[in-house]
Amino acid sequence: MDEDDSIISTSLVSVRNLSFRRGNRVIFDNLSLDIQRGKITAIMGPSGTGKTTLLKLIGGQLCPDQGTVTVDGIDVHKLKRKDLFELRKRMGMLFQSGALLTDINVYDNVAFPIREHSHLTESMIRTLVLMKLQAVGLRGAAKLMPSELSGGMARRVALARAIALDPMMIMYDEPFTGQDPISMGALIHLIKSLNTTLGLTSIIVSHDVQETSLISDYIYVISDGKVAVQGTPAEIEASDSPWVQQFMKGEPDGPVHFHYPANDYVKDLFYSPEKPLKRPKKPGGPGFFGKKSSPPPKTAESKKSSRSRYHSQD
């Protein structure tokens, strides 16, 4: 067995030669990567590189133009609709916004997928829901409505719902966005502990480089539709690529320039345009009345008319 076959055999998700477009825009160009079983894998890259799109391709919400996505040895995009829904029961998803159902309370949000996809009694559902809420530290918030939750609490409820069906894998779409340091620390701890305790495989899409690197076993950095660099957090940190260093350290200038492309700054400041813009002419100003530089003089008749109008106002 060669090295590639060994990697595939230990992978829960395998993406091979994936290409995907939106109109004329290329999102992925012959992309290949592997998500190892039982590991936390991070997908990073600048905004607009298709990180969330990749999660949708893995979940079968989108179909690639070419290439394959296999999950647990199953080609996702060859499945019939019913079989795809069965596979999705084994995938948890933490949406970027949390995506809680706003008209039902915390308890019912977590219970929702269990009620939809099982035939368990309400007493058993209650036990499972309380276990999931206990795992994220929010059993005491079971009766609260989503509008009563802070941003961090809402994200943790969404995580409890994501693990409600005991999935083999969870996909996290920007889990740390908008979180205060305490909430972020809680989420980091939860993702790591749940992955270890439940034997999950986790895929994290995030811009929060430092926080994600702390808990990731492996990182892919995507740019221009391809994998720009991959490796363990230590290997990524030691990369000699100026672009990778700029991205990972959040430096304002580098291969990705701070300034948008423009003409020479000095020329823009001191060089006059070939055709300078004409100033708008004001009423009564030069040229406003044609060749004359001022309004035509009033005649005796017009003066008399003006006086009559003035007196009529008295």
C-alpha atoms as a PDB file:
ATOM      1  CA  MET A   1       0.000   0.000   0.000  1.00  0.00           C
ATOM      2  CA  ASP A   2       1.493   3.344  -1.045  1.00  0.00           C
ATOM      3  CA  GLU A   3       1.341   6.563   0.970  1.00  0.00           C
ATOM      4  CA  ASP A   4      -1.735   7.968  -0.856  1.00  0.00           C
ATOM      5  CA  ASP A   5      -3.728   4.759  -0.269  1.00  0.00           C
ATOM      6  CA  SER A   6      -2.742   4.834   3.409  1.00  0.00           C
ATOM      7  CA  ILE A   7      -3.978   8.416   3.761  1.00  0.00           C
ATOM      8  CA  ILE A   8      -7.278   7.611   2.061  1.00  0.00           C
ATOM      9  CA  SER A   9      -7.864   4.578   4.309  1.00  0.00           C
ATOM     10  CA  THR A  10      -7.543   6.730   7.445  1.00  0.00           C
ATOM     11  CA  SER A  11      -9.615   9.605   6.020  1.00  0.00           C
ATOM     12  CA  LEU A  12     -13.249  10.154   6.840  1.00  0.00           C
ATOM     13  CA  VAL A  13     -13.577  12.761   4.072  1.00  0.00           C
ATOM     14  CA  SER A  14     -11.580  12.632   0.869  1.00  0.00           C
ATOM     15  CA  VAL A  15     -11.765  15.361  -1.780  1.00  0.00           C
ATOM     16  CA  ARG A  16     -10.133  14.558  -5.115  1.00  0.00           C
ATOM     17  CA  ASN A  17      -9.544  16.814  -8.140  1.00  0.00           C
ATOM     18  CA  LEU A  18     -12.484  19.028  -7.194  1.00  0.00           C
ATOM     19  CA  SER A  19     -13.423  21.871  -9.524  1.00  0.00           C
ATOM     20  CA  PHE A  20     -16.335  24.219  -8.960  1.00  0.00           C
ATOM     21  CA  ARG A  21     -17.451  27.485 -10.558  1.00  0.00           C
ATOM     22  CA  ARG A  22     -20.052  30.125  -9.887  1.00  0.00           C
ATOM     23  CA  GLY A  23     -20.730  31.590 -13.296  1.00  0.00           C
ATOM     24  CA  ASN A  24     -17.372  32.583 -14.764  1.00  0.00           C
ATOM     25  CA  ARG A  25     -15.674  32.685 -11.372  1.00  0.00           C
ATOM     26  CA  VAL A  26     -13.499  29.711 -10.477  1.00  0.00           C
ATOM     27  CA  ILE A  27     -13.937  28.748  -6.807  1.00  0.00           C
ATOM     28  CA  PHE A  28     -11.949  25.492  -6.807  1.00  0.00           C
ATOM     29  CA  ASP A  29      -9.480  24.340  -9.415  1.00  0.00           C
ATOM     30  CA  ASN A  30      -8.465  20.676  -9.117  1.00  0.00           C
ATOM     31  CA  LEU A  31      -8.537  20.781  -5.307  1.00  0.00           C
ATOM     32  CA  SER A  32      -7.563  17.696  -3.301  1.00  0.00           C
ATOM     33  CA  LEU A  33      -7.479  17.235   0.484  1.00  0.00           C
ATOM     34  CA  ASP A  34      -8.203  14.688   3.216  1.00  0.00           C
ATOM     35  CA  ILE A  35      -9.920  14.968   6.594  1.00  0.00           C
ATOM     36  CA  GLN A  36      -8.488  12.409   9.009  1.00  0.00           C
ATOM     37  CA  ARG A  37     -10.748  10.387  11.300  1.00  0.00           C
ATOM     38  CA  GLY A  38     -10.862  11.535  14.903  1.00  0.00           C
ATOM     39  CA  LYS A  39      -8.892  14.704  14.161  1.00  0.00           C
ATOM     40  CA  ILE A  40      -9.697  18.420  14.101  1.00  0.00           C
ATOM     41  CA  THR A  41      -8.902  19.803  10.670  1.00  0.00           C
ATOM     42  CA  ALA A  42      -8.994  23.530   9.948  1.00  0.00           C
ATOM     43  CA  ILE A  43      -9.772  25.080   6.576  1.00  0.00           C
ATOM     44  CA  MET A  44      -8.385  28.624   6.381  1.00  0.00           C
ATOM     45  CA  GLY A  45      -7.888  31.263   3.737  1.00  0.00           C
ATOM     46  CA  PRO A  46      -8.821  34.815   2.774  1.00  0.00           C
ATOM     47  CA  SER A  47     -12.453  35.858   2.456  1.00  0.00           C
ATOM     48  CA  GLY A  48     -14.135  34.651  -0.701  1.00  0.00           C
ATOM     49  CA  THR A  49     -11.926  31.597  -1.249  1.00  0.00           C
ATOM     50  CA  GLY A  50     -14.844  29.175  -0.934  1.00  0.00           C
ATOM     51  CA  LYS A  51     -14.342  27.720   2.547  1.00  0.00           C
ATOM     52  CA  THR A  52     -18.074  27.610   3.328  1.00  0.00           C
ATOM     53  CA  THR A  53     -18.714  26.402  -0.225  1.00  0.00           C
ATOM     54  CA  LEU A  54     -16.428  23.448   0.503  1.00  0.00           C
ATOM     55  CA  LEU A  55     -18.599  22.499   3.504  1.00  0.00           C
ATOM     56  CA  LYS A  56     -21.673  22.619   1.266  1.00  0.00           C
ATOM     57  CA  LEU A  57     -19.969  20.361  -1.274  1.00  0.00           C
ATOM     58  CA  ILE A  58     -19.056  17.885   1.472  1.00  0.00           C
ATOM     59  CA  GLY A  59     -22.662  17.928   2.725  1.00  0.00           C
ATOM     60  CA  GLY A  60     -24.089  17.434  -0.760  1.00  0.00           C
ATOM     61  CA  GLN A  61     -25.846  20.808  -0.921  1.00  0.00           C
ATOM     62  CA  LEU A  62     -23.819  21.668  -4.019  1.00  0.00           C
ATOM     63  CA  CYS A  63     -22.502  19.498  -6.848  1.00  0.00           C
ATOM     64  CA  PRO A  64     -18.982  19.941  -8.251  1.00  0.00           C
ATOM     65  CA  ASP A  65     -18.261  20.531 -11.924  1.00  0.00           C
ATOM     66  CA  GLN A  66     -15.750  17.698 -11.718  1.00  0.00           C
ATOM     67  CA  GLY A  67     -13.994  15.608  -9.104  1.00  0.00           C
ATOM     68  CA  THR A  68     -15.279  13.552  -6.195  1.00  0.00           C
ATOM     69  CA  VAL A  69     -16.138  14.009  -2.526  1.00  0.00           C
ATOM     70  CA  THR A  70     -16.313  10.814  -0.471  1.00  0.00           C
ATOM     71  CA  VAL A  71     -17.500  10.641   3.128  1.00  0.00           C
ATOM     72  CA  ASP A  72     -16.829   7.404   5.001  1.00  0.00           C
ATOM     73  CA  GLY A  73     -16.131   5.732   1.658  1.00  0.00           C
ATOM     74  CA  ILE A  74     -19.387   6.951   0.070  1.00  0.00           C
ATOM     75  CA  ASP A  75     -19.372   9.166  -3.029  1.00  0.00           C
ATOM     76  CA  VAL A  76     -21.670  11.952  -1.820  1.00  0.00           C
ATOM     77  CA  HIS A  77     -22.770  13.181  -5.238  1.00  0.00           C
ATOM     78  CA  LYS A  78     -23.791   9.769  -6.561  1.00  0.00           C
ATOM     79  CA  LEU A  79     -26.291   9.183  -3.758  1.00  0.00           C
ATOM     80  CA  LYS A  80     -30.028   9.226  -4.273  1.00  0.00           C
ATOM     81  CA  ARG A  81     -31.919  11.871  -2.324  1.00  0.00           C
ATOM     82  CA  LYS A  82     -33.091   9.441   0.368  1.00  0.00           C
ATOM     83  CA  ASP A  83     -29.589   8.008   0.869  1.00  0.00           C
ATOM     84  CA  LEU A  84     -28.090  11.513   1.012  1.00  0.00           C
ATOM     85  CA  PHE A  85     -30.510  12.432   3.816  1.00  0.00           C
ATOM     86  CA  GLU A  86     -29.484   9.288   5.696  1.00  0.00           C
ATOM     87  CA  LEU A  87     -25.808  10.240   5.360  1.00  0.00           C
ATOM     88  CA  ARG A  88     -26.522  13.768   6.597  1.00  0.00           C
ATOM     89  CA  LYS A  89     -27.918  12.350   9.846  1.00  0.00           C
ATOM     90  CA  ARG A  90     -24.351  11.323  10.583  1.00  0.00           C
ATOM     91  CA  MET A  91     -23.067  14.856   9.979  1.00  0.00           C
ATOM     92  CA  GLY A  92     -23.499  17.674  12.473  1.00  0.00           C
ATOM     93  CA  MET A  93     -23.383  21.286  11.342  1.00  0.00           C
ATOM     94  CA  LEU A  94     -22.726  24.407  13.385  1.00  0.00           C
ATOM     95  CA  PHE A  95     -23.871  27.272  11.213  1.00  0.00           C
ATOM     96  CA  GLN A  96     -22.114  30.624  11.247  1.00  0.00           C
ATOM     97  CA  SER A  97     -25.168  32.397  12.646  1.00  0.00           C
ATOM     98  CA  GLY A  98     -26.178  29.556  14.944  1.00  0.00           C
ATOM     99  CA  ALA A  99     -29.448  29.245  12.976  1.00  0.00           C
ATOM    100  CA  LEU A 100     -31.630  28.522  16.000  1.00  0.00           C
ATOM    101  CA  LEU A 101     -35.380  28.327  15.456  1.00  0.00           C
ATOM    102  CA  THR A 102     -36.531  31.572  17.020  1.00  0.00           C
ATOM    103  CA  ASP A 103     -40.109  30.560  17.892  1.00  0.00           C
ATOM    104  CA  ILE A 104     -39.218  27.627  20.150  1.00  0.00           C
ATOM    105  CA  ASN A 105     -37.119  27.458  23.297  1.00  0.00           C
ATOM    106  CA  VAL A 106     -33.634  26.028  23.825  1.00  0.00           C
ATOM    107  CA  TYR A 107     -34.929  22.596  24.851  1.00  0.00           C
ATOM    108  CA  ASP A 108     -37.097  22.230  21.745  1.00  0.00           C
ATOM    109  CA  ASN A 109     -34.308  23.467  19.455  1.00  0.00           C
ATOM    110  CA  VAL A 110     -32.073  20.639  20.630  1.00  0.00           C
ATOM    111  CA  ALA A 111     -34.923  18.131  20.595  1.00  0.00           C
ATOM    112  CA  PHE A 112     -35.989  19.060  17.069  1.00  0.00           C
ATOM    113  CA  PRO A 113     -33.603  16.805  15.075  1.00  0.00           C
ATOM    114  CA  ILE A 114     -34.206  13.896  17.477  1.00  0.00           C
ATOM    115  CA  ARG A 115     -37.968  14.155  17.038  1.00  0.00           C
ATOM    116  CA  GLU A 116     -37.601  14.467  13.260  1.00  0.00           C
ATOM    117  CA  HIS A 117     -35.269  11.523  12.740  1.00  0.00           C
ATOM    118  CA  SER A 118     -36.151   9.019  15.451  1.00  0.00           C
ATOM    119  CA  HIS A 119     -39.112   7.289  17.029  1.00  0.00           C
ATOM    120  CA  LEU A 120     -37.975   7.684  20.621  1.00  0.00           C
ATOM    121  CA  THR A 121     -40.406   8.417  23.426  1.00  0.00           C
ATOM    122  CA  GLU A 122     -40.532  11.898  24.909  1.00  0.00           C
ATOM    123  CA  SER A 123     -38.970  10.654  28.138  1.00  0.00           C
ATOM    124  CA  MET A 124     -35.958   9.316  26.223  1.00  0.00           C
ATOM    125  CA  ILE A 125     -35.766  12.518  24.156  1.00  0.00           C
ATOM    126  CA  ARG A 126     -35.789  14.527  27.377  1.00  0.00           C
ATOM    127  CA  THR A 127     -32.869  12.520  28.733  1.00  0.00           C
ATOM    128  CA  LEU A 128     -30.856  13.001  25.529  1.00  0.00           C
ATOM    129  CA  VAL A 129     -31.583  16.736  25.321  1.00  0.00           C
ATOM    130  CA  LEU A 130     -30.548  17.323  28.915  1.00  0.00           C
ATOM    131  CA  MET A 131     -27.356  15.326  28.302  1.00  0.00           C
ATOM    132  CA  LYS A 132     -26.465  17.452  25.271  1.00  0.00           C
ATOM    133  CA  LEU A 133     -27.229  20.702  27.105  1.00  0.00           C
ATOM    134  CA  GLN A 134     -25.202  19.518  30.082  1.00  0.00           C
ATOM    135  CA  ALA A 135     -22.272  18.850  27.744  1.00  0.00           C
ATOM    136  CA  VAL A 136     -22.262  22.497  26.612  1.00  0.00           C
ATOM    137  CA  GLY A 137     -22.997  23.871  30.086  1.00  0.00           C
ATOM    138  CA  LEU A 138     -26.508  25.139  29.376  1.00  0.00           C
ATOM    139  CA  ARG A 139     -28.874  22.637  31.000  1.00  0.00           C
ATOM    140  CA  GLY A 140     -30.150  25.461  33.201  1.00  0.00           C
ATOM    141  CA  ALA A 141     -31.094  27.494  30.111  1.00  0.00           C
ATOM    142  CA  ALA A 142     -33.399  24.840  28.647  1.00  0.00           C
ATOM    143  CA  LYS A 143     -36.556  26.961  28.965  1.00  0.00           C
ATOM    144  CA  LEU A 144     -35.063  30.186  27.592  1.00  0.00           C
ATOM    145  CA  MET A 145     -36.004  31.531  24.173  1.00  0.00           C
ATOM    146  CA  PRO A 146     -33.265  32.256  21.600  1.00  0.00           C
ATOM    147  CA  SER A 147     -33.933  35.997  21.987  1.00  0.00           C
ATOM    148  CA  GLU A 148     -32.930  35.703  25.658  1.00  0.00           C
ATOM    149  CA  LEU A 149     -29.516  34.195  24.877  1.00  0.00           C
ATOM    150  CA  SER A 150     -26.208  35.974  24.450  1.00  0.00           C
ATOM    151  CA  GLY A 151     -24.233  35.342  21.261  1.00  0.00           C
ATOM    152  CA  GLY A 152     -21.966  32.847  22.986  1.00  0.00           C
ATOM    153  CA  MET A 153     -24.878  30.989  24.571  1.00  0.00           C
ATOM    154  CA  ALA A 154     -26.700  30.769  21.236  1.00  0.00           C
ATOM    155  CA  ARG A 155     -23.606  29.265  19.607  1.00  0.00           C
ATOM    156  CA  ARG A 156     -23.351  26.672  22.387  1.00  0.00           C
ATOM    157  CA  VAL A 157     -27.043  25.733  22.026  1.00  0.00           C
ATOM    158  CA  ALA A 158     -26.425  25.300  18.295  1.00  0.00           C
ATOM    159  CA  LEU A 159     -23.513  23.019  19.159  1.00  0.00           C
ATOM    160  CA  ALA A 160     -25.743  20.945  21.448  1.00  0.00           C
ATOM    161  CA  ARG A 161     -28.202  20.580  18.564  1.00  0.00           C
ATOM    162  CA  ALA A 162     -25.347  19.628  16.194  1.00  0.00           C
ATOM    163  CA  ILE A 163     -24.409  16.653  18.411  1.00  0.00           C
ATOM    164  CA  ALA A 164     -28.021  15.670  19.161  1.00  0.00           C
ATOM    165  CA  LEU A 165     -27.961  12.656  16.793  1.00  0.00           C
ATOM    166  CA  ASP A 166     -24.451  11.558  17.854  1.00  0.00           C
ATOM    167  CA  PRO A 167     -22.867  12.269  14.462  1.00  0.00           C
ATOM    168  CA  MET A 168     -19.528  10.909  13.270  1.00  0.00           C
ATOM    169  CA  MET A 169     -18.463  14.353  12.103  1.00  0.00           C
ATOM    170  CA  ILE A 170     -19.206  18.011  12.834  1.00  0.00           C
ATOM    171  CA  MET A 171     -18.590  20.901  10.439  1.00  0.00           C
ATOM    172  CA  TYR A 172     -18.069  24.287  12.075  1.00  0.00           C
ATOM    173  CA  ASP A 173     -18.647  27.385   9.923  1.00  0.00           C
ATOM    174  CA  GLU A 174     -16.846  30.342  11.565  1.00  0.00           C
ATOM    175  CA  PRO A 175     -17.647  29.221  15.132  1.00  0.00           C
ATOM    176  CA  PHE A 176     -15.697  32.045  16.818  1.00  0.00           C
ATOM    177  CA  THR A 177     -17.058  35.008  14.861  1.00  0.00           C
ATOM    178  CA  GLY A 178     -18.430  37.783  17.060  1.00  0.00           C
ATOM    179  CA  GLN A 179     -17.569  36.055  20.337  1.00  0.00           C
ATOM    180  CA  ASP A 180     -16.094  37.797  23.373  1.00  0.00           C
ATOM    181  CA  PRO A 181     -12.902  36.273  24.866  1.00  0.00           C
ATOM    182  CA  ILE A 182     -14.794  34.270  27.511  1.00  0.00           C
ATOM    183  CA  SER A 183     -17.323  32.845  25.035  1.00  0.00           C
ATOM    184  CA  MET A 184     -14.552  32.104  22.566  1.00  0.00           C
ATOM    185  CA  GLY A 185     -12.560  30.291  25.232  1.00  0.00           C
ATOM    186  CA  ALA A 186     -15.619  28.222  26.127  1.00  0.00           C
ATOM    187  CA  LEU A 187     -16.204  27.256  22.503  1.00  0.00           C
ATOM    188  CA  ILE A 188     -12.552  26.315  21.985  1.00  0.00           C
ATOM    189  CA  HIS A 189     -12.706  24.086  25.068  1.00  0.00           C
ATOM    190  CA  LEU A 190     -16.004  22.521  23.948  1.00  0.00           C
ATOM    191  CA  ILE A 191     -14.849  21.731  20.417  1.00  0.00           C
ATOM    192  CA  LYS A 192     -11.681  20.080  21.659  1.00  0.00           C
ATOM    193  CA  SER A 193     -13.290  18.177  24.532  1.00  0.00           C
ATOM    194  CA  LEU A 194     -16.286  16.963  22.493  1.00  0.00           C
ATOM    195  CA  ASN A 195     -14.025  15.819  19.688  1.00  0.00           C
ATOM    196  CA  THR A 196     -11.962  13.782  22.152  1.00  0.00           C
ATOM    197  CA  THR A 197     -14.782  12.492  24.371  1.00  0.00           C
ATOM    198  CA  LEU A 198     -17.203  11.525  21.587  1.00  0.00           C
ATOM    199  CA  GLY A 199     -14.556  10.374  19.104  1.00  0.00           C
ATOM    200  CA  LEU A 200     -15.703  12.911  16.521  1.00  0.00           C
ATOM    201  CA  THR A 201     -14.060  14.180  13.373  1.00  0.00           C
ATOM    202  CA  SER A 202     -14.218  17.971  13.161  1.00  0.00           C
ATOM    203  CA  ILE A 203     -13.824  20.389  10.260  1.00  0.00           C
ATOM    204  CA  ILE A 204     -13.419  24.027  11.257  1.00  0.00           C
ATOM    205  CA  VAL A 205     -13.736  26.890   8.796  1.00  0.00           C
ATOM    206  CA  SER A 206     -12.427  29.999  10.504  1.00  0.00           C
ATOM    207  CA  HIS A 207     -10.583  33.313  10.113  1.00  0.00           C
ATOM    208  CA  ASP A 208      -9.490  33.237  13.745  1.00  0.00           C
ATOM    209  CA  VAL A 209      -5.993  31.958  13.114  1.00  0.00           C
ATOM    210  CA  GLN A 210      -4.608  31.808  16.643  1.00  0.00           C
ATOM    211  CA  GLU A 211      -7.658  30.231  18.291  1.00  0.00           C
ATOM    212  CA  THR A 212      -8.148  27.669  15.533  1.00  0.00           C
ATOM    213  CA  SER A 213      -4.461  26.748  15.453  1.00  0.00           C
ATOM    214  CA  LEU A 214      -4.554  25.998  19.193  1.00  0.00           C
ATOM    215  CA  ILE A 215      -6.962  23.075  18.780  1.00  0.00           C
ATOM    216  CA  SER A 216      -6.306  21.918  15.205  1.00  0.00           C
ATOM    217  CA  ASP A 217      -4.386  18.761  14.396  1.00  0.00           C
ATOM    218  CA  TYR A 218      -3.980  19.725  10.739  1.00  0.00           C
ATOM    219  CA  ILE A 219      -4.500  22.893   8.691  1.00  0.00           C
ATOM    220  CA  TYR A 220      -5.226  23.561   5.023  1.00  0.00           C
ATOM    221  CA  VAL A 221      -4.796  27.119   3.772  1.00  0.00           C
ATOM    222  CA  ILE A 222      -6.712  27.673   0.542  1.00  0.00           C
ATOM    223  CA  SER A 223      -6.091  30.426  -1.993  1.00  0.00           C
ATOM    224  CA  ASP A 224      -6.989  30.895  -5.679  1.00  0.00           C
ATOM    225  CA  GLY A 225      -8.944  27.643  -5.733  1.00  0.00           C
ATOM    226  CA  LYS A 226      -6.038  25.469  -4.600  1.00  0.00           C
ATOM    227  CA  VAL A 227      -4.301  24.369  -1.406  1.00  0.00           C
ATOM    228  CA  ALA A 228      -1.632  27.015  -0.846  1.00  0.00           C
ATOM    229  CA  VAL A 229      -0.050  25.182   2.100  1.00  0.00           C
ATOM    230  CA  GLN A 230      -0.933  22.336   4.435  1.00  0.00           C
ATOM    231  CA  GLY A 231       0.497  20.794   7.571  1.00  0.00           C
ATOM    232  CA  THR A 232       0.365  20.748  11.337  1.00  0.00           C
ATOM    233  CA  PRO A 233       0.101  24.111  13.124  1.00  0.00           C
ATOM    234  CA  ALA A 234       3.851  23.949  13.830  1.00  0.00           C
ATOM    235  CA  GLU A 235       4.650  23.257  10.170  1.00  0.00           C
ATOM    236  CA  ILE A 236       2.423  26.105   9.005  1.00  0.00           C
ATOM    237  CA  GLU A 237       4.043  28.477  11.483  1.00  0.00           C
ATOM    238  CA  ALA A 238       7.492  27.516  10.182  1.00  0.00           C
ATOM    239  CA  SER A 239       6.501  27.976   6.525  1.00  0.00           C
ATOM    240  CA  ASP A 240       8.908  30.135   4.515  1.00  0.00           C
ATOM    241  CA  SER A 241       6.123  31.419   2.259  1.00  0.00           C
ATOM    242  CA  PRO A 242       5.751  35.217   2.667  1.00  0.00           C
ATOM    243  CA  TRP A 243       2.050  34.958   1.777  1.00  0.00           C
ATOM    244  CA  VAL A 244       1.391  32.288   4.421  1.00  0.00           C
ATOM    245  CA  GLN A 245       3.299  34.282   7.044  1.00  0.00           C
ATOM    246  CA  GLN A 246       1.303  37.415   6.221  1.00  0.00           C
ATOM    247  CA  PHE A 247      -1.991  35.527   6.490  1.00  0.00           C
ATOM    248  CA  MET A 248      -1.174  33.624   9.684  1.00  0.00           C
ATOM    249  CA  LYS A 249       0.245  36.681  11.463  1.00  0.00           C
ATOM    250  CA  GLY A 250      -2.330  39.144  10.153  1.00  0.00           C
ATOM    251  CA  GLU A 251       0.285  41.548   8.815  1.00  0.00           C
ATOM    252  CA  PRO A 252      -1.211  44.593   7.029  1.00  0.00           C
ATOM    253  CA  ASP A 253       1.201  44.554   4.097  1.00  0.00           C
ATOM    254  CA  GLY A 254       3.143  41.939   2.200  1.00  0.00           C
ATOM    255  CA  PRO A 255       2.420  39.841  -0.898  1.00  0.00           C
ATOM    256  CA  VAL A 256      -1.197  40.928  -0.409  1.00  0.00           C
ATOM    257  CA  HIS A 257      -0.749  44.677  -0.600  1.00  0.00           C
ATOM    258  CA  PHE A 258      -2.439  47.131   1.732  1.00  0.00           C
ATOM    259  CA  HIS A 259      -3.065  49.613  -1.118  1.00  0.00           C
ATOM    260  CA  TYR A 260      -5.443  48.865  -3.939  1.00  0.00           C
ATOM    261  CA  PRO A 261      -3.639  49.154  -7.321  1.00  0.00           C
ATOM    262  CA  ALA A 262      -3.534  52.811  -8.424  1.00  0.00           C
ATOM    263  CA  ASN A 263      -1.519  55.314 -10.446  1.00  0.00           C
ATOM    264  CA  ASP A 264       1.619  56.870  -8.998  1.00  0.00           C
ATOM    265  CA  TYR A 265       0.677  58.814  -5.874  1.00  0.00           C
ATOM    266  CA  VAL A 266       2.846  61.885  -6.670  1.00  0.00           C
ATOM    267  CA  LYS A 267       1.445  62.105 -10.181  1.00  0.00           C
ATOM    268  CA  ASP A 268      -2.091  61.913  -8.844  1.00  0.00           C
ATOM    269  CA  LEU A 269      -1.314  64.764  -6.424  1.00  0.00           C
ATOM    270  CA  PHE A 270       0.607  67.182  -8.648  1.00  0.00           C
ATOM    271  CA  TYR A 271      -0.175  66.368 -12.268  1.00  0.00           C
ATOM    272  CA  SER A 272      -3.175  68.141 -13.794  1.00  0.00           C
ATOM    273  CA  PRO A 273      -5.584  66.072 -15.837  1.00  0.00           C
ATOM    274  CA  GLU A 274      -5.420  66.543 -19.586  1.00  0.00           C
ATOM    275  CA  LYS A 275      -8.880  68.031 -19.587  1.00  0.00           C
ATOM    276  CA  PRO A 276      -9.550  69.756 -16.288  1.00  0.00           C
ATOM    277  CA  LEU A 277     -13.099  69.804 -15.129  1.00  0.00           C
ATOM    278  CA  LYS A 278     -14.871  73.091 -15.726  1.00  0.00           C
ATOM    279  CA  ARG A 279     -16.273  74.810 -12.705  1.00  0.00           C
ATOM    280  CA  PRO A 280     -20.047  75.155 -12.827  1.00  0.00           C
ATOM    281  CA  LYS A 281     -21.193  78.611 -13.818  1.00  0.00           C
ATOM    282  CA  LYS A 282     -23.156  80.566 -11.259  1.00  0.00           C
ATOM    283  CA  PRO A 283     -26.200  82.664 -12.101  1.00  0.00           C
ATOM    284  CA  GLY A 284     -25.011  86.186 -12.838  1.00  0.00           C
ATOM    285  CA  GLY A 285     -21.448  85.046 -13.324  1.00  0.00           C
ATOM    286  CA  PRO A 286     -19.366  85.532 -16.475  1.00  0.00           C
ATOM    287  CA  GLY A 287     -20.882  83.911 -19.518  1.00  0.00           C
ATOM    288  CA  PHE A 288     -24.159  82.997 -17.866  1.00  0.00           C
ATOM    289  CA  PHE A 289     -26.044  85.303 -20.159  1.00  0.00           C
ATOM    290  CA  GLY A 290     -24.169  84.360 -23.296  1.00  0.00           C
ATOM    291  CA  LYS A 291     -21.597  86.872 -24.501  1.00  0.00           C
ATOM    292  CA  LYS A 292     -22.506  89.442 -21.884  1.00  0.00           C
ATOM    293  CA  SER A 293     -20.766  89.244 -18.521  1.00  0.00           C
ATOM    294  CA  SER A 294     -23.673  90.666 -16.547  1.00  0.00           C
ATOM    295  CA  PRO A 295     -27.464  90.779 -16.750  1.00  0.00           C
ATOM    296  CA  PRO A 296     -28.888  93.252 -19.256  1.00  0.00           C
ATOM    297  CA  PRO A 297     -29.516  96.730 -17.795  1.00  0.00           C
ATOM    298  CA  LYS A 298     -33.019  97.502 -16.710  1.00  0.00           C
ATOM    299  CA  THR A 299     -34.997  99.834 -18.943  1.00  0.00           C
ATOM    300  CA  ALA A 300     -37.227 102.604 -17.643  1.00  0.00           C
ATOM    301  CA  GLU A 301     -40.200 100.466 -18.415  1.00  0.00           C
ATOM    302  CA  SER A 302     -38.857  97.495 -16.403  1.00  0.00           C
ATOM    303  CA  LYS A 303     -37.985  99.812 -13.482  1.00  0.00           C
ATOM    304  CA  LYS A 304     -41.534 101.160 -13.476  1.00  0.00           C
ATOM    305  CA  SER A 305     -42.869  97.577 -13.500  1.00  0.00           C
ATOM    306  CA  SER A 306     -40.622  96.678 -10.546  1.00  0.00           C
ATOM    307  CA  ARG A 307     -41.789  99.707  -8.531  1.00  0.00           C
ATOM    308  CA  SER A 308     -45.417  98.870  -9.178  1.00  0.00           C
ATOM    309  CA  ARG A 309     -44.895  95.292  -7.964  1.00  0.00           C
ATOM    310  CA  TYR A 310     -43.108  96.603  -4.847  1.00  0.00           C
ATOM    311  CA  HIS A 311     -45.900  98.986  -3.959  1.00  0.00           C
ATOM    312  CA  SER A 312     -48.560  96.371  -4.640  1.00  0.00           C
ATOM    313  CA  GLN A 313     -46.990  94.173  -1.900  1.00  0.00           C
ATOM    314  CA  ASP A 314     -47.509  96.993   0.625  1.00  0.00           C
END
